[in-house]
């Protein structure tokens, strides 16, 4: 799992949703939140980035730490 930096938007209910994140110096804008779910100790977000990649980010609300737990590159054009 890779440590990342995440910028969030806080909605009207106070739930934070990732809007962009950084892998090193590379900034990836979130185009779509495909899914989100809660686990006992983390919150998960399945995202599509502006690079076409699919990511799953998890957030530990106790430590405020974010991690990337999944990445799939975009499929090449046919």
C-alpha atoms as a PDB file:
ATOM      1  CA  UNK A   1       0.000   0.000   0.000  1.00  0.00           C
ATOM      2  CA  UNK A   2       1.246   3.415  -0.945  1.00  0.00           C
ATOM      3  CA  UNK A   3       0.984   6.568   1.161  1.00  0.00           C
ATOM      4  CA  UNK A   4      -0.595   9.458  -0.680  1.00  0.00           C
ATOM      5  CA  UNK A   5      -1.786  13.004  -0.099  1.00  0.00           C
ATOM      6  CA  UNK A   6      -5.508  13.604  -0.657  1.00  0.00           C
ATOM      7  CA  UNK A   7      -7.528  16.817  -0.990  1.00  0.00           C
ATOM      8  CA  UNK A   8     -11.197  16.413  -0.128  1.00  0.00           C
ATOM      9  CA  UNK A   9     -14.477  18.217  -0.482  1.00  0.00           C
ATOM     10  CA  UNK A  10     -16.648  18.220   2.600  1.00  0.00           C
ATOM     11  CA  UNK A  11     -20.319  17.922   1.654  1.00  0.00           C
ATOM     12  CA  UNK A  12     -23.329  19.282   3.456  1.00  0.00           C
ATOM     13  CA  UNK A  13     -23.334  16.297   5.844  1.00  0.00           C
ATOM     14  CA  UNK A  14     -19.646  16.750   6.635  1.00  0.00           C
ATOM     15  CA  UNK A  15     -18.597  13.601   4.764  1.00  0.00           C
ATOM     16  CA  UNK A  16     -15.256  14.075   3.072  1.00  0.00           C
ATOM     17  CA  UNK A  17     -14.990  12.969  -0.556  1.00  0.00           C
ATOM     18  CA  UNK A  18     -11.646  12.893  -2.426  1.00  0.00           C
ATOM     19  CA  UNK A  19     -11.402  15.507  -5.212  1.00  0.00           C
ATOM     20  CA  UNK A  20      -7.709  15.085  -6.109  1.00  0.00           C
ATOM     21  CA  UNK A  21      -4.708  13.205  -4.801  1.00  0.00           C
ATOM     22  CA  UNK A  22      -0.961  13.161  -5.221  1.00  0.00           C
ATOM     23  CA  UNK A  23       1.304  10.190  -5.851  1.00  0.00           C
ATOM     24  CA  UNK A  24       4.674  11.783  -5.235  1.00  0.00           C
ATOM     25  CA  UNK A  25       4.667  14.957  -7.368  1.00  0.00           C
ATOM     26  CA  UNK A  26       1.933  13.700  -9.716  1.00  0.00           C
ATOM     27  CA  UNK A  27      -1.540  15.177  -9.155  1.00  0.00           C
ATOM     28  CA  UNK A  28      -4.564  13.126 -10.209  1.00  0.00           C
ATOM     29  CA  UNK A  29      -7.969  14.795 -10.413  1.00  0.00           C
ATOM     30  CA  UNK A  30     -10.946  12.630  -9.434  1.00  0.00           C
ATOM     31  CA  UNK A  31     -13.379  12.463 -12.355  1.00  0.00           C
ATOM     32  CA  UNK A  32     -15.823  10.048 -10.767  1.00  0.00           C
ATOM     33  CA  UNK A  33     -16.480   8.384  -7.419  1.00  0.00           C
ATOM     34  CA  UNK A  34     -17.658   4.951  -8.591  1.00  0.00           C
ATOM     35  CA  UNK A  35     -18.348   3.507  -5.141  1.00  0.00           C
ATOM     36  CA  UNK A  36     -17.773   4.136  -1.445  1.00  0.00           C
ATOM     37  CA  UNK A  37     -18.143   1.903   1.571  1.00  0.00           C
ATOM     38  CA  UNK A  38     -17.418   1.713   5.276  1.00  0.00           C
ATOM     39  CA  UNK A  39     -15.453  -0.960   7.084  1.00  0.00           C
ATOM     40  CA  UNK A  40     -15.109  -1.137  10.869  1.00  0.00           C
ATOM     41  CA  UNK A  41     -11.817   0.787  10.836  1.00  0.00           C
ATOM     42  CA  UNK A  42     -11.606   2.498   7.407  1.00  0.00           C
ATOM     43  CA  UNK A  43     -13.602   4.302   4.730  1.00  0.00           C
ATOM     44  CA  UNK A  44     -13.043   3.231   1.114  1.00  0.00           C
ATOM     45  CA  UNK A  45     -13.491   5.129  -2.167  1.00  0.00           C
ATOM     46  CA  UNK A  46     -13.336   3.605  -5.654  1.00  0.00           C
ATOM     47  CA  UNK A  47     -12.374   6.404  -8.047  1.00  0.00           C
ATOM     48  CA  UNK A  48     -11.653   7.109 -11.699  1.00  0.00           C
ATOM     49  CA  UNK A  49      -8.833   9.603 -12.189  1.00  0.00           C
ATOM     50  CA  UNK A  50      -8.218  12.074 -15.011  1.00  0.00           C
ATOM     51  CA  UNK A  51      -5.487   9.691 -16.216  1.00  0.00           C
ATOM     52  CA  UNK A  52      -8.171   7.036 -16.903  1.00  0.00           C
ATOM     53  CA  UNK A  53      -6.938   4.843 -14.047  1.00  0.00           C
ATOM     54  CA  UNK A  54      -9.169   3.197 -11.466  1.00  0.00           C
ATOM     55  CA  UNK A  55      -8.090   3.580  -7.841  1.00  0.00           C
ATOM     56  CA  UNK A  56      -9.284   2.447  -4.450  1.00  0.00           C
ATOM     57  CA  UNK A  57      -8.268   4.789  -1.650  1.00  0.00           C
ATOM     58  CA  UNK A  58      -8.829   4.056   2.007  1.00  0.00           C
ATOM     59  CA  UNK A  59      -8.965   6.511   4.856  1.00  0.00           C
ATOM     60  CA  UNK A  60      -8.333   5.810   8.515  1.00  0.00           C
ATOM     61  CA  UNK A  61     -10.464   8.395  10.351  1.00  0.00           C
ATOM     62  CA  UNK A  62      -8.589   7.812  13.635  1.00  0.00           C
ATOM     63  CA  UNK A  63      -5.180   8.731  12.196  1.00  0.00           C
ATOM     64  CA  UNK A  64      -6.356  10.775   9.167  1.00  0.00           C
ATOM     65  CA  UNK A  65      -4.025   8.644   7.028  1.00  0.00           C
ATOM     66  CA  UNK A  66      -4.833   7.809   3.399  1.00  0.00           C
ATOM     67  CA  UNK A  67      -3.538   4.815   1.428  1.00  0.00           C
ATOM     68  CA  UNK A  68      -3.978   3.534  -2.104  1.00  0.00           C
ATOM     69  CA  UNK A  69      -4.990  -0.132  -1.944  1.00  0.00           C
ATOM     70  CA  UNK A  70      -5.738  -0.761  -5.645  1.00  0.00           C
ATOM     71  CA  UNK A  71      -4.765   0.643  -9.047  1.00  0.00           C
ATOM     72  CA  UNK A  72      -5.759  -0.464 -12.550  1.00  0.00           C
ATOM     73  CA  UNK A  73      -4.360   1.266 -15.617  1.00  0.00           C
ATOM     74  CA  UNK A  74      -6.766   2.322 -18.335  1.00  0.00           C
ATOM     75  CA  UNK A  75      -7.264  -0.177 -21.134  1.00  0.00           C
ATOM     76  CA  UNK A  76      -5.404   0.754 -24.330  1.00  0.00           C
ATOM     77  CA  UNK A  77      -7.623   1.822 -27.240  1.00  0.00           C
ATOM     78  CA  UNK A  78      -8.504  -0.918 -29.712  1.00  0.00           C
END
